[in-house]
C-alpha atoms as a PDB file:
ATOM      1  CA  MET A   1     128.420 120.604  92.005  1.00  0.00           C
ATOM      2  CA  SER A   2     128.975 118.813  95.263  1.00  0.00           C
ATOM      3  CA  GLY A   3     127.422 115.387  95.583  1.00  0.00           C
ATOM      4  CA  SER A   4     124.983 115.726  92.683  1.00  0.00           C
ATOM      5  CA  LEU A   5     124.548 113.377  89.762  1.00  0.00           C
ATOM      6  CA  ARG A   6     126.521 114.553  86.760  1.00  0.00           C
ATOM      7  CA  LEU A   7     125.990 113.202  83.252  1.00  0.00           C
ATOM      8  CA  THR A   8     129.293 112.508  81.531  1.00  0.00           C
ATOM      9  CA  SER A   9     130.810 109.807  79.307  1.00  0.00           C
ATOM     10  CA  PHE A  10     132.907 106.760  80.154  1.00  0.00           C
ATOM     11  CA  ASP A  11     136.007 108.202  78.488  1.00  0.00           C
ATOM     12  CA  GLN A  12     135.897 111.119  80.952  1.00  0.00           C
ATOM     13  CA  VAL A  13     135.940 108.805  83.984  1.00  0.00           C
ATOM     14  CA  GLU A  14     139.190 107.480  85.490  1.00  0.00           C
ATOM     15  CA  LEU A  15     139.021 103.695  85.756  1.00  0.00           C
ATOM     16  CA  THR A  16     142.005 103.853  88.139  1.00  0.00           C
ATOM     17  CA  ASP A  17     139.860 105.593  90.784  1.00  0.00           C
ATOM     18  CA  PRO A  18     139.764 103.374  93.924  1.00  0.00           C
ATOM     19  CA  PHE A  19     135.975 103.534  93.703  1.00  0.00           C
ATOM     20  CA  PHE A  20     136.086 100.843  91.001  1.00  0.00           C
ATOM     21  CA  ASP A  21     138.287  98.384  92.927  1.00  0.00           C
ATOM     22  CA  SER A  22     135.362  96.428  94.362  1.00  0.00           C
ATOM     23  CA  LEU A  23     133.634  96.244  90.974  1.00  0.00           C
ATOM     24  CA  LYS A  24     136.819  94.928  89.364  1.00  0.00           C
ATOM     25  CA  ALA A  25     137.116  92.323  92.116  1.00  0.00           C
ATOM     26  CA  GLN A  26     133.512  91.151  91.854  1.00  0.00           C
ATOM     27  CA  TYR A  27     133.163  91.259  88.063  1.00  0.00           C
ATOM     28  CA  GLY A  28     136.119  89.733  86.217  1.00  0.00           C
ATOM     29  CA  GLU A  29     135.083  91.324  82.920  1.00  0.00           C
ATOM     30  CA  PHE A  30     134.534  94.807  84.379  1.00  0.00           C
ATOM     31  CA  THR A  31     137.722  96.408  83.008  1.00  0.00           C
ATOM     32  CA  ASP A  32     137.140  95.134  79.454  1.00  0.00           C
ATOM     33  CA  TRP A  33     133.494  96.202  79.637  1.00  0.00           C
ATOM     34  CA  PHE A  34     134.429  99.669  80.891  1.00  0.00           C
ATOM     35  CA  GLU A  35     137.033 100.143  78.155  1.00  0.00           C
ATOM     36  CA  ARG A  36     134.498  99.200  75.449  1.00  0.00           C
ATOM     37  CA  LYS A  37     132.046 101.737  76.830  1.00  0.00           C
ATOM     38  CA  SER A  38     134.832 104.305  76.988  1.00  0.00           C
ATOM     39  CA  ALA A  39     135.809 103.740  73.352  1.00  0.00           C
ATOM     40  CA  ALA A  40     132.171 104.225  72.354  1.00  0.00           C
ATOM     41  CA  LYS A  41     131.920 107.357  74.558  1.00  0.00           C
ATOM     42  CA  GLU A  42     128.713 106.061  76.108  1.00  0.00           C
ATOM     43  CA  ALA A  43     126.920 108.185  78.682  1.00  0.00           C
ATOM     44  CA  VAL A  44     127.079 107.518  82.417  1.00  0.00           C
ATOM     45  CA  TYR A  45     126.125 109.314  85.629  1.00  0.00           C
ATOM     46  CA  VAL A  46     128.754 109.910  88.304  1.00  0.00           C
ATOM     47  CA  VAL A  47     128.917 111.640  91.665  1.00  0.00           C
ATOM     48  CA  ASN A  48     132.225 113.230  92.645  1.00  0.00           C
ATOM     49  CA  ASP A  49     133.516 114.123  96.083  1.00  0.00           C
ATOM     50  CA  ASP A  50     133.889 117.899  96.136  1.00  0.00           C
ATOM     51  CA  VAL A  51     136.983 117.780  98.353  1.00  0.00           C
ATOM     52  CA  GLU A  52     139.107 115.003  96.855  1.00  0.00           C
ATOM     53  CA  SER A  53     137.406 114.799  93.429  1.00  0.00           C
ATOM     54  CA  ARG A  54     137.004 111.064  93.943  1.00  0.00           C
ATOM     55  CA  ILE A  55     134.004 109.199  92.594  1.00  0.00           C
ATOM     56  CA  ARG A  56     131.313 108.460  95.179  1.00  0.00           C
ATOM     57  CA  GLY A  57     128.504 107.226  92.951  1.00  0.00           C
ATOM     58  CA  PHE A  58     128.174 105.658  89.496  1.00  0.00           C
ATOM     59  CA  VAL A  59     125.140 104.543  87.501  1.00  0.00           C
ATOM     60  CA  TYR A  60     124.934 103.288  83.914  1.00  0.00           C
ATOM     61  CA  LEU A  61     121.548 103.017  82.208  1.00  0.00           C
ATOM     62  CA  LYS A  62     120.826 101.086  79.020  1.00  0.00           C
ATOM     63  CA  LEU A  63     117.714 100.931  76.838  1.00  0.00           C
ATOM     64  CA  GLU A  64     116.767  97.398  75.748  1.00  0.00           C
ATOM     65  CA  GLU A  65     113.968  95.913  73.653  1.00  0.00           C
ATOM     66  CA  GLY A  66     112.841  92.335  73.162  1.00  0.00           C
ATOM     67  CA  VAL A  67     113.028  89.151  75.211  1.00  0.00           C
ATOM     68  CA  ILE A  68     115.556  88.918  78.058  1.00  0.00           C
ATOM     69  CA  ASP A  69     116.648  85.298  77.598  1.00  0.00           C
ATOM     70  CA  ASP A  70     119.826  85.162  79.691  1.00  0.00           C
ATOM     71  CA  VAL A  71     117.788  84.967  82.909  1.00  0.00           C
ATOM     72  CA  ASP A  72     115.648  82.172  84.364  1.00  0.00           C
ATOM     73  CA  PRO A  73     112.783  82.350  83.684  1.00  0.00           C
ATOM     74  CA  PRO A  74     113.184  84.589  80.603  1.00  0.00           C
ATOM     75  CA  LEU A  75     111.435  87.956  80.641  1.00  0.00           C
ATOM     76  CA  PRO A  76     108.932  88.403  77.780  1.00  0.00           C
ATOM     77  CA  ALA A  77     109.469  90.959  75.046  1.00  0.00           C
ATOM     78  CA  ALA A  78     109.135  94.553  76.247  1.00  0.00           C
ATOM     79  CA  ARG A  79     110.797  97.940  76.053  1.00  0.00           C
ATOM     80  CA  ARG A  80     112.958  98.172  79.171  1.00  0.00           C
ATOM     81  CA  LEU A  81     115.525 100.308  80.939  1.00  0.00           C
ATOM     82  CA  LYS A  82     118.358  98.277  82.430  1.00  0.00           C
ATOM     83  CA  VAL A  83     120.287  99.603  85.392  1.00  0.00           C
ATOM     84  CA  GLY A  84     123.550  98.188  84.061  1.00  0.00           C
ATOM     85  CA  THR A  85     125.865  99.231  86.870  1.00  0.00           C
ATOM     86  CA  LEU A  86     125.082 101.036  90.098  1.00  0.00           C
ATOM     87  CA  LYS A  87     127.336 101.732  93.038  1.00  0.00           C
ATOM     88  CA  ASN A  88     126.971 104.370  95.721  1.00  0.00           C
ATOM     89  CA  GLU A  89     129.560 105.152  98.394  1.00  0.00           C
ATOM     90  CA  ALA A  90     127.954 108.296  99.842  1.00  0.00           C
ATOM     91  CA  ARG A  91     127.873 107.639 103.575  1.00  0.00           C
ATOM     92  CA  GLY A  92     125.231 109.164 105.784  1.00  0.00           C
ATOM     93  CA  THR A  93     123.199 110.649 102.940  1.00  0.00           C
ATOM     94  CA  LYS A  94     120.178 109.666 100.883  1.00  0.00           C
ATOM     95  CA  LEU A  95     122.023 109.819  97.577  1.00  0.00           C
ATOM     96  CA  GLY A  96     120.741 106.344  96.719  1.00  0.00           C
ATOM     97  CA  GLU A  97     117.233 107.790  96.575  1.00  0.00           C
ATOM     98  CA  ARG A  98     118.467 110.530  94.246  1.00  0.00           C
ATOM     99  CA  ILE A  99     119.889 107.857  91.932  1.00  0.00           C
ATOM    100  CA  ILE A 100     116.617 105.920  92.013  1.00  0.00           C
ATOM    101  CA  LYS A 101     114.766 109.096  91.054  1.00  0.00           C
ATOM    102  CA  LYS A 102     117.108 109.611  88.106  1.00  0.00           C
ATOM    103  CA  VAL A 103     116.459 106.023  86.989  1.00  0.00           C
ATOM    104  CA  PHE A 104     112.716 106.692  86.974  1.00  0.00           C
ATOM    105  CA  ASP A 105     113.215 109.995  85.143  1.00  0.00           C
ATOM    106  CA  HIS A 106     115.051 108.160  82.357  1.00  0.00           C
ATOM    107  CA  ALA A 107     112.498 105.369  82.235  1.00  0.00           C
ATOM    108  CA  PHE A 108     109.609 107.743  81.612  1.00  0.00           C
ATOM    109  CA  ALA A 109     111.618 109.875  79.189  1.00  0.00           C
ATOM    110  CA  GLU A 110     112.347 106.730  77.150  1.00  0.00           C
ATOM    111  CA  ASP A 111     108.726 105.539  77.434  1.00  0.00           C
ATOM    112  CA  VAL A 112     109.688 102.084  78.688  1.00  0.00           C
ATOM    113  CA  GLU A 113     107.348  99.470  80.130  1.00  0.00           C
ATOM    114  CA  GLU A 114     109.708  98.137  82.788  1.00  0.00           C
ATOM    115  CA  ILE A 115     112.985  98.750  84.586  1.00  0.00           C
ATOM    116  CA  TYR A 116     115.228  95.904  85.679  1.00  0.00           C
ATOM    117  CA  VAL A 117     118.488  95.379  87.503  1.00  0.00           C
ATOM    118  CA  THR A 118     120.604  92.328  88.347  1.00  0.00           C
ATOM    119  CA  VAL A 119     122.269  92.257  91.751  1.00  0.00           C
ATOM    120  CA  PHE A 120     124.041  89.766  94.012  1.00  0.00           C
ATOM    121  CA  ASP A 121     122.000  88.793  97.059  1.00  0.00           C
ATOM    122  CA  THR A 122     124.855  89.981  99.281  1.00  0.00           C
ATOM    123  CA  HIS A 123     124.021  93.609  98.368  1.00  0.00           C
ATOM    124  CA  ILE A 124     121.225  93.762 100.922  1.00  0.00           C
ATOM    125  CA  GLY A 125     121.073  97.559 101.198  1.00  0.00           C
ATOM    126  CA  LEU A 126     120.765  97.986  97.439  1.00  0.00           C
ATOM    127  CA  ILE A 127     118.073  95.310  97.202  1.00  0.00           C
ATOM    128  CA  ARG A 128     116.047  96.947  99.971  1.00  0.00           C
ATOM    129  CA  LEU A 129     116.329 100.314  98.227  1.00  0.00           C
ATOM    130  CA  PHE A 130     114.935  98.924  94.969  1.00  0.00           C
ATOM    131  CA  GLU A 131     112.219  96.921  96.731  1.00  0.00           C
ATOM    132  CA  LYS A 132     111.067 100.008  98.633  1.00  0.00           C
ATOM    133  CA  TYR A 133     110.132 101.598  95.308  1.00  0.00           C
ATOM    134  CA  GLY A 134     108.276  98.648  93.855  1.00  0.00           C
ATOM    135  CA  PHE A 135     110.953  96.387  92.363  1.00  0.00           C
ATOM    136  CA  VAL A 136     110.175  92.679  92.790  1.00  0.00           C
ATOM    137  CA  GLU A 137     112.307  89.585  92.233  1.00  0.00           C
ATOM    138  CA  ARG A 138     111.256  87.994  88.957  1.00  0.00           C
ATOM    139  CA  ALA A 139     114.182  85.798  87.875  1.00  0.00           C
ATOM    140  CA  SER A 140     117.788  84.806  88.484  1.00  0.00           C
ATOM    141  CA  LYS A 141     120.890  85.121  86.326  1.00  0.00           C
ATOM    142  CA  THR A 142     123.868  82.774  86.383  1.00  0.00           C
ATOM    143  CA  THR A 143     127.204  84.316  85.357  1.00  0.00           C
ATOM    144  CA  PRO A 144     130.896  83.367  85.706  1.00  0.00           C
ATOM    145  CA  ASN A 145     130.901  85.679  88.744  1.00  0.00           C
ATOM    146  CA  GLY A 146     128.068  83.852  90.503  1.00  0.00           C
ATOM    147  CA  GLN A 147     124.287  83.963  90.616  1.00  0.00           C
ATOM    148  CA  GLU A 148     122.420  87.267  90.687  1.00  0.00           C
ATOM    149  CA  ILE A 149     118.775  88.015  91.332  1.00  0.00           C
ATOM    150  CA  VAL A 150     116.766  89.978  88.776  1.00  0.00           C
ATOM    151  CA  LEU A 151     114.601  92.779  90.173  1.00  0.00           C
ATOM    152  CA  VAL A 152     111.911  94.215  87.904  1.00  0.00           C
ATOM    153  CA  ARG A 153     109.663  97.255  88.259  1.00  0.00           C
ATOM    154  CA  SER A 154     106.617  97.679  86.044  1.00  0.00           C
ATOM    155  CA  LEU A 155     105.646 101.265  85.261  1.00  0.00           C
ATOM    156  CA  GLU A 156     101.958 100.429  85.444  1.00  0.00           C
ATOM    157  CA  GLN A 157     100.110 101.013  88.699  1.00  0.00           C
ATOM    158  CA  ASP A 158     100.078  98.017  91.047  1.00  0.00           C
ATOM    159  CA  GLY A 159      97.800  98.495  94.054  1.00  0.00           C
ATOM    160  CA  ASP A 160      97.364 101.687  96.055  1.00  0.00           C
ATOM    161  CA  ASN A 161     100.718 102.049  97.842  1.00  0.00           C
ATOM    162  CA  ILE A 162     102.034 105.515  96.955  1.00  0.00           C
ATOM    163  CA  ILE A 163     105.669 104.540  97.609  1.00  0.00           C
ATOM    164  CA  THR A 164     105.880 101.247  95.694  1.00  0.00           C
ATOM    165  CA  ASN A 165     104.027 102.964  92.832  1.00  0.00           C
ATOM    166  CA  TYR A 166     106.343 106.000  92.907  1.00  0.00           C
ATOM    167  CA  PRO A 167     106.619 108.188  90.849  1.00  0.00           C
ATOM    168  CA  LEU A 168     103.111 107.507  89.524  1.00  0.00           C
ATOM    169  CA  ILE A 169     100.548 110.071  90.699  1.00  0.00           C
ATOM    170  CA  ASN A 170      97.208 108.412  91.419  1.00  0.00           C
ATOM    171  CA  THR A 171      94.521 111.103  91.364  1.00  0.00           C
ATOM    172  CA  GLU A 172      91.569 108.827  92.148  1.00  0.00           C
ATOM    173  CA  GLY A 173      89.872 110.048  95.316  1.00  0.00           C
ATOM    174  CA  SER A 174      92.535 112.713  95.873  1.00  0.00           C
ATOM    175  CA  ASP A 175      92.183 116.380  96.706  1.00  0.00           C
ATOM    176  CA  PHE A 176      94.499 118.917  95.067  1.00  0.00           C
ATOM    177  CA  PHE A 177      96.488 121.727  96.672  1.00  0.00           C
ATOM    178  CA  LEU A 178      98.880 124.529  95.801  1.00  0.00           C
ATOM    179  CA  LEU A 179     101.639 124.941  98.421  1.00  0.00           C
ATOM    180  CA  SER A 180     104.033 127.895  98.398  1.00  0.00           C
ATOM    181  CA  ILE A 181     107.709 127.828  99.334  1.00  0.00           C
ATOM    182  CA  TYR A 182     110.244 130.650  99.515  1.00  0.00           C
ATOM    183  CA  PRO A 183     113.051 130.761  96.907  1.00  0.00           C
ATOM    184  CA  GLU A 184     115.797 130.334  99.522  1.00  0.00           C
ATOM    185  CA  TYR A 185     114.394 126.910 100.428  1.00  0.00           C
ATOM    186  CA  HIS A 186     112.888 125.787  97.138  1.00  0.00           C
ATOM    187  CA  THR A 187     115.749 124.277  95.161  1.00  0.00           C
ATOM    188  CA  LYS A 188     117.510 122.822  98.196  1.00  0.00           C
ATOM    189  CA  LEU A 189     114.365 120.799  98.833  1.00  0.00           C
ATOM    190  CA  PHE A 190     113.421 120.159  95.185  1.00  0.00           C
ATOM    191  CA  PRO A 191     116.747 119.968  93.277  1.00  0.00           C
ATOM    192  CA  ASP A 192     115.325 118.715  89.976  1.00  0.00           C
ATOM    193  CA  SER A 193     113.117 121.804  89.907  1.00  0.00           C
ATOM    194  CA  ILE A 194     116.035 124.256  89.790  1.00  0.00           C
ATOM    195  CA  LEU A 195     115.295 127.406  87.796  1.00  0.00           C
ATOM    196  CA  MET A 196     117.499 128.670  84.985  1.00  0.00           C
ATOM    197  CA  THR A 197     118.285 131.775  87.055  1.00  0.00           C
ATOM    198  CA  GLU A 198     119.719 129.751  89.944  1.00  0.00           C
ATOM    199  CA  GLY A 199     123.269 128.524  90.383  1.00  0.00           C
ATOM    200  CA  ALA A 200     123.887 124.783  90.553  1.00  0.00           C
ATOM    201  CA  HIS A 201     126.089 125.281  93.624  1.00  0.00           C
ATOM    202  CA  ILE A 202     123.021 125.549  95.844  1.00  0.00           C
ATOM    203  CA  VAL A 203     122.298 121.842  95.321  1.00  0.00           C
ATOM    204  CA  GLU A 204     124.636 120.029  97.692  1.00  0.00           C
ATOM    205  CA  ASP A 205     125.006 116.471  98.950  1.00  0.00           C
ATOM    206  CA  LEU A 206     122.730 117.055 101.906  1.00  0.00           C
ATOM    207  CA  SER A 207     120.174 114.567 103.102  1.00  0.00           C
ATOM    208  CA  HIS A 208     117.166 116.774 102.336  1.00  0.00           C
ATOM    209  CA  THR A 209     118.451 117.511  98.816  1.00  0.00           C
ATOM    210  CA  ASN A 210     118.917 113.895  97.795  1.00  0.00           C
ATOM    211  CA  THR A 211     115.764 112.360  99.235  1.00  0.00           C
ATOM    212  CA  ILE A 212     112.624 111.368  97.410  1.00  0.00           C
ATOM    213  CA  HIS A 213     110.817 112.061 100.687  1.00  0.00           C
ATOM    214  CA  LYS A 214     110.538 115.712 101.761  1.00  0.00           C
ATOM    215  CA  VAL A 215     109.443 117.353 105.001  1.00  0.00           C
ATOM    216  CA  TYR A 216     107.759 120.747 104.659  1.00  0.00           C
ATOM    217  CA  ILE A 217     107.373 122.782 107.860  1.00  0.00           C
ATOM    218  CA  GLY A 218     105.208 125.881 108.071  1.00  0.00           C
ATOM    219  CA  GLY A 219     102.487 127.811 109.817  1.00  0.00           C
ATOM    220  CA  CYS A 220      99.680 127.109 107.344  1.00  0.00           C
ATOM    221  CA  PRO A 221      97.211 124.318 108.255  1.00  0.00           C
ATOM    222  CA  LEU A 222      98.895 121.431 106.460  1.00  0.00           C
ATOM    223  CA  THR A 223      96.668 118.928 108.291  1.00  0.00           C
ATOM    224  CA  MET A 224      93.859 119.812 105.882  1.00  0.00           C
ATOM    225  CA  MET A 225      95.723 117.500 103.484  1.00  0.00           C
ATOM    226  CA  ASP A 226      95.455 113.707 103.718  1.00  0.00           C
ATOM    227  CA  GLU A 227      97.620 110.805 102.570  1.00  0.00           C
ATOM    228  CA  GLY A 228      97.458 110.492  98.802  1.00  0.00           C
ATOM    229  CA  ASP A 229      96.441 114.093  98.166  1.00  0.00           C
ATOM    230  CA  ILE A 230      98.261 115.873  95.338  1.00  0.00           C
ATOM    231  CA  VAL A 231     100.390 118.963  96.020  1.00  0.00           C
ATOM    232  CA  VAL A 232     101.678 121.394  93.397  1.00  0.00           C
ATOM    233  CA  ILE A 233     104.720 123.332  94.642  1.00  0.00           C
ATOM    234  CA  TYR A 234     104.569 127.093  94.074  1.00  0.00           C
ATOM    235  CA  ARG A 235     107.913 128.906  94.278  1.00  0.00           C
ATOM    236  CA  THR A 236     107.272 132.472  95.379  1.00  0.00           C
ATOM    237  CA  THR A 237     108.934 135.459  93.752  1.00  0.00           C
ATOM    238  CA  ASP A 238     112.568 136.274  94.460  1.00  0.00           C
ATOM    239  CA  ILE A 239     111.947 139.973  93.753  1.00  0.00           C
ATOM    240  CA  PRO A 240     109.300 141.856  95.788  1.00  0.00           C
ATOM    241  CA  LYS A 241     106.234 142.989  93.816  1.00  0.00           C
ATOM    242  CA  LYS A 242     107.243 140.854  90.806  1.00  0.00           C
ATOM    243  CA  ALA A 243     105.134 137.807  91.672  1.00  0.00           C
ATOM    244  CA  PHE A 244     103.005 138.073  88.530  1.00  0.00           C
ATOM    245  CA  HIS A 245     105.884 136.945  86.332  1.00  0.00           C
ATOM    246  CA  ARG A 246     108.472 135.481  88.751  1.00  0.00           C
ATOM    247  CA  SER A 247     106.368 133.218  90.979  1.00  0.00           C
ATOM    248  CA  VAL A 248     106.095 129.805  89.315  1.00  0.00           C
ATOM    249  CA  VAL A 249     104.780 126.300  89.883  1.00  0.00           C
ATOM    250  CA  THR A 250     107.636 123.811  89.651  1.00  0.00           C
ATOM    251  CA  SER A 251     106.847 120.369  91.028  1.00  0.00           C
ATOM    252  CA  VAL A 252     104.182 117.802  91.844  1.00  0.00           C
ATOM    253  CA  CYS A 253     104.234 115.895  95.134  1.00  0.00           C
ATOM    254  CA  VAL A 254     102.014 113.357  96.889  1.00  0.00           C
ATOM    255  CA  VAL A 255     101.213 113.614 100.600  1.00  0.00           C
ATOM    256  CA  GLU A 256     102.553 110.793 102.782  1.00  0.00           C
ATOM    257  CA  GLU A 257     101.276 112.195 106.077  1.00  0.00           C
ATOM    258  CA  THR A 258     100.764 115.423 108.019  1.00  0.00           C
ATOM    259  CA  ARG A 259     101.347 116.263 111.679  1.00  0.00           C
ATOM    260  CA  THR A 260     101.236 119.118 114.141  1.00  0.00           C
ATOM    261  CA  ARG A 261     103.891 119.989 116.705  1.00  0.00           C
ATOM    262  CA  SER A 262     101.721 118.455 119.445  1.00  0.00           C
ATOM    263  CA  ASP A 263     101.955 115.067 117.704  1.00  0.00           C
ATOM    264  CA  PHE A 264     105.603 114.907 118.802  1.00  0.00           C
ATOM    265  CA  ALA A 265     106.012 114.044 122.479  1.00  0.00           C
ATOM    266  CA  THR A 266     109.582 115.330 122.641  1.00  0.00           C
ATOM    267  CA  GLU A 267     111.855 117.796 120.911  1.00  0.00           C
ATOM    268  CA  ASP A 268     114.235 114.949 120.035  1.00  0.00           C
ATOM    269  CA  GLY A 269     111.408 113.068 118.340  1.00  0.00           C
ATOM    270  CA  PHE A 270     110.514 116.152 116.311  1.00  0.00           C
ATOM    271  CA  ILE A 271     114.123 116.606 115.203  1.00  0.00           C
ATOM    272  CA  ARG A 272     114.598 112.914 114.340  1.00  0.00           C
ATOM    273  CA  TYR A 273     111.486 112.986 112.176  1.00  0.00           C
ATOM    274  CA  CYS A 274     112.200 116.246 110.358  1.00  0.00           C
ATOM    275  CA  SER A 275     115.974 116.534 110.114  1.00  0.00           C
ATOM    276  CA  PRO A 276     116.763 113.965 107.363  1.00  0.00           C
ATOM    277  CA  HIS A 277     114.202 115.448 104.973  1.00  0.00           C
ATOM    278  CA  SER A 278     113.971 119.158 105.882  1.00  0.00           C
ATOM    279  CA  VAL A 279     115.960 122.214 104.766  1.00  0.00           C
ATOM    280  CA  PHE A 280     116.168 123.491 108.339  1.00  0.00           C
ATOM    281  CA  SER A 281     119.171 123.066 110.636  1.00  0.00           C
ATOM    282  CA  GLU A 282     118.898 121.347 114.009  1.00  0.00           C
ATOM    283  CA  ASP A 283     118.957 124.724 115.770  1.00  0.00           C
ATOM    284  CA  GLU A 284     116.148 126.000 113.546  1.00  0.00           C
ATOM    285  CA  LEU A 285     114.116 122.858 114.223  1.00  0.00           C
ATOM    286  CA  LYS A 286     114.598 123.363 117.957  1.00  0.00           C
ATOM    287  CA  GLU A 287     113.279 126.895 117.591  1.00  0.00           C
ATOM    288  CA  PHE A 288     110.207 125.622 115.734  1.00  0.00           C
ATOM    289  CA  TYR A 289     109.497 123.167 118.532  1.00  0.00           C
ATOM    290  CA  ARG A 290     110.120 125.556 121.418  1.00  0.00           C
ATOM    291  CA  ASP A 291     108.340 128.685 120.167  1.00  0.00           C
ATOM    292  CA  LYS A 292     104.803 128.065 121.387  1.00  0.00           C
ATOM    293  CA  ASN A 293     103.656 131.418 119.985  1.00  0.00           C
ATOM    294  CA  LYS A 294     103.923 130.048 116.451  1.00  0.00           C
ATOM    295  CA  ARG A 295     101.742 127.424 114.853  1.00  0.00           C
ATOM    296  CA  VAL A 296     103.823 124.557 113.481  1.00  0.00           C
ATOM    297  CA  TYR A 297     102.544 122.044 110.957  1.00  0.00           C
ATOM    298  CA  VAL A 298     104.558 119.321 109.242  1.00  0.00           C
ATOM    299  CA  ALA A 299     103.891 117.544 105.942  1.00  0.00           C
ATOM    300  CA  LYS A 300     105.899 114.618 104.627  1.00  0.00           C
ATOM    301  CA  LEU A 301     105.730 114.607 100.837  1.00  0.00           C
ATOM    302  CA  LEU A 302     106.858 112.365  98.001  1.00  0.00           C
ATOM    303  CA  TYR A 303     108.750 114.365  95.364  1.00  0.00           C
ATOM    304  CA  ASN A 304     107.150 112.762  92.312  1.00  0.00           C
ATOM    305  CA  ALA A 305     107.941 115.070  89.420  1.00  0.00           C
ATOM    306  CA  ALA A 306     109.560 118.310  88.336  1.00  0.00           C
ATOM    307  CA  LEU A 307     107.560 120.187  85.714  1.00  0.00           C
ATOM    308  CA  PRO A 308     109.518 120.534  82.432  1.00  0.00           C
ATOM    309  CA  LYS A 309     107.921 123.974  82.020  1.00  0.00           C
ATOM    310  CA  ARG A 310     107.082 126.228  84.971  1.00  0.00           C
ATOM    311  CA  PRO A 311     103.858 128.228  84.510  1.00  0.00           C
ATOM    312  CA  ASN A 312     104.117 131.578  86.292  1.00  0.00           C
ATOM    313  CA  ARG A 313     101.419 133.321  88.267  1.00  0.00           C
ATOM    314  CA  ALA A 314     100.288 135.219  85.179  1.00  0.00           C
ATOM    315  CA  LYS A 315      99.657 131.958  83.318  1.00  0.00           C
ATOM    316  CA  LEU A 316      97.929 130.412  86.336  1.00  0.00           C
ATOM    317  CA  LEU A 317      95.466 133.293  86.302  1.00  0.00           C
ATOM    318  CA  SER A 318      95.004 133.947  82.587  1.00  0.00           C
ATOM    319  CA  ASP A 319      95.377 130.529  80.954  1.00  0.00           C
ATOM    320  CA  ILE A 320      94.481 128.089  83.728  1.00  0.00           C
ATOM    321  CA  GLY A 321      91.730 130.244  85.211  1.00  0.00           C
ATOM    322  CA  MET A 322      92.754 130.358  88.855  1.00  0.00           C
ATOM    323  CA  THR A 323      91.563 133.215  91.061  1.00  0.00           C
ATOM    324  CA  ASP A 324      94.040 135.724  92.505  1.00  0.00           C
ATOM    325  CA  PRO A 325      94.017 135.728  96.340  1.00  0.00           C
ATOM    326  CA  PRO A 326      96.377 138.080  98.240  1.00  0.00           C
ATOM    327  CA  ARG A 327      98.538 135.100  99.281  1.00  0.00           C
ATOM    328  CA  PHE A 328      98.789 131.574  97.935  1.00  0.00           C
ATOM    329  CA  ASP A 329     100.365 129.800 100.981  1.00  0.00           C
ATOM    330  CA  LEU A 330      98.208 126.654 100.977  1.00  0.00           C
ATOM    331  CA  ARG A 331      95.044 126.567  98.918  1.00  0.00           C
ATOM    332  CA  ARG A 332      92.804 123.973  97.411  1.00  0.00           C
ATOM    333  CA  ILE A 333      92.659 123.802  93.650  1.00  0.00           C
ATOM    334  CA  SER A 334      90.194 121.974  91.440  1.00  0.00           C
ATOM    335  CA  ARG A 335      90.903 118.916  89.325  1.00  0.00           C
ATOM    336  CA  GLU A 336      90.495 121.122  86.269  1.00  0.00           C
ATOM    337  CA  GLU A 337      93.100 123.572  87.584  1.00  0.00           C
ATOM    338  CA  PHE A 338      95.478 120.701  88.337  1.00  0.00           C
ATOM    339  CA  ASP A 339      94.986 119.314  84.830  1.00  0.00           C
ATOM    340  CA  GLY A 340      95.727 122.778  83.444  1.00  0.00           C
ATOM    341  CA  ILE A 341      98.992 122.925  85.403  1.00  0.00           C
ATOM    342  CA  VAL A 342      99.944 119.447  84.139  1.00  0.00           C
ATOM    343  CA  GLU A 343      99.194 120.488  80.554  1.00  0.00           C
ATOM    344  CA  HIS A 344     100.959 123.859  80.646  1.00  0.00           C
ATOM    345  CA  GLY A 345     103.819 122.361  82.660  1.00  0.00           C
ATOM    346  CA  GLU A 346     104.206 119.658  79.975  1.00  0.00           C
ATOM    347  CA  LEU A 347     104.328 116.878  82.550  1.00  0.00           C
ATOM    348  CA  ASN A 348     104.566 113.385  81.052  1.00  0.00           C
ATOM    349  CA  PRO A 349     100.915 112.213  80.961  1.00  0.00           C
ATOM    350  CA  ARG A 350     101.968 108.655  81.866  1.00  0.00           C
ATOM    351  CA  LEU A 351     102.815 109.891  85.353  1.00  0.00           C
ATOM    352  CA  VAL A 352      99.253 110.989  86.120  1.00  0.00           C
ATOM    353  CA  LEU A 353      96.644 108.288  86.624  1.00  0.00           C
END
């Protein structure tokens, strides 16, 4: 699987990989620490280069409970997820966002109250990445290697910002929508929502795959949605006339903003906006912009959650009580229908406010 996070154990990772050289240089105890984790066969996430099989990303997560007293000021007793080690060498991609998403996935799976990470203030890019998603500096930590700052993220809602509160889904004042997407685009855009029938090879280290932010382009009137509205992703059938059982809802997103083609003064501006977060190639984006015979709408979405279970169209109609229009495309759904999807999709209730 090229460029995707892979869960493995320390004893399956080569400490001699050049990837670890900078960590060994910055943390004098790193080798001893790594070897202890290896002996215990503890779990770790890695990203491998598909060409040279070298490591490009590494993240170790640890569950902790109680007071954190080796920082100043101490952090009060709580159930926390610690990002023990994180390094990302993927250049020109958004793999850092993918790692952040995995951190949040673990935090909610472990039902923690907070996430924290210690980092040297020289790691400006990493600090900005954490701060973007709601981490704030709460303490400092003095070690033989120098002084680190302690960034903490509470998993309770703090204000109304949909990005700093990510992946929480605030439903207050929101409208709800069902948005369809073809199978050939679905899992490239929403990799955590891959279906059992799909091959993992379709998830590559591409910018649109690894981002938390997604750009959906289509001909349906996406501008009927507003910032903060809730979108349920509906993957259409991969076999004609089999939609009843093979079309499924897979994911929950929150709208960041919507635009029309006319909102972009130039083709270059349209491409710059869409390209990092869209499944379409530059040539395809040019065609969208130039073909004035087609309506073009753009929605930027936050990819908040993949549903653990994927209710199919049959369940949407029979169990959740939705009506059966000829096409789903983009349609409003009620709060009750959304709640039914959350329940039947077995989404963690802590995510929905």
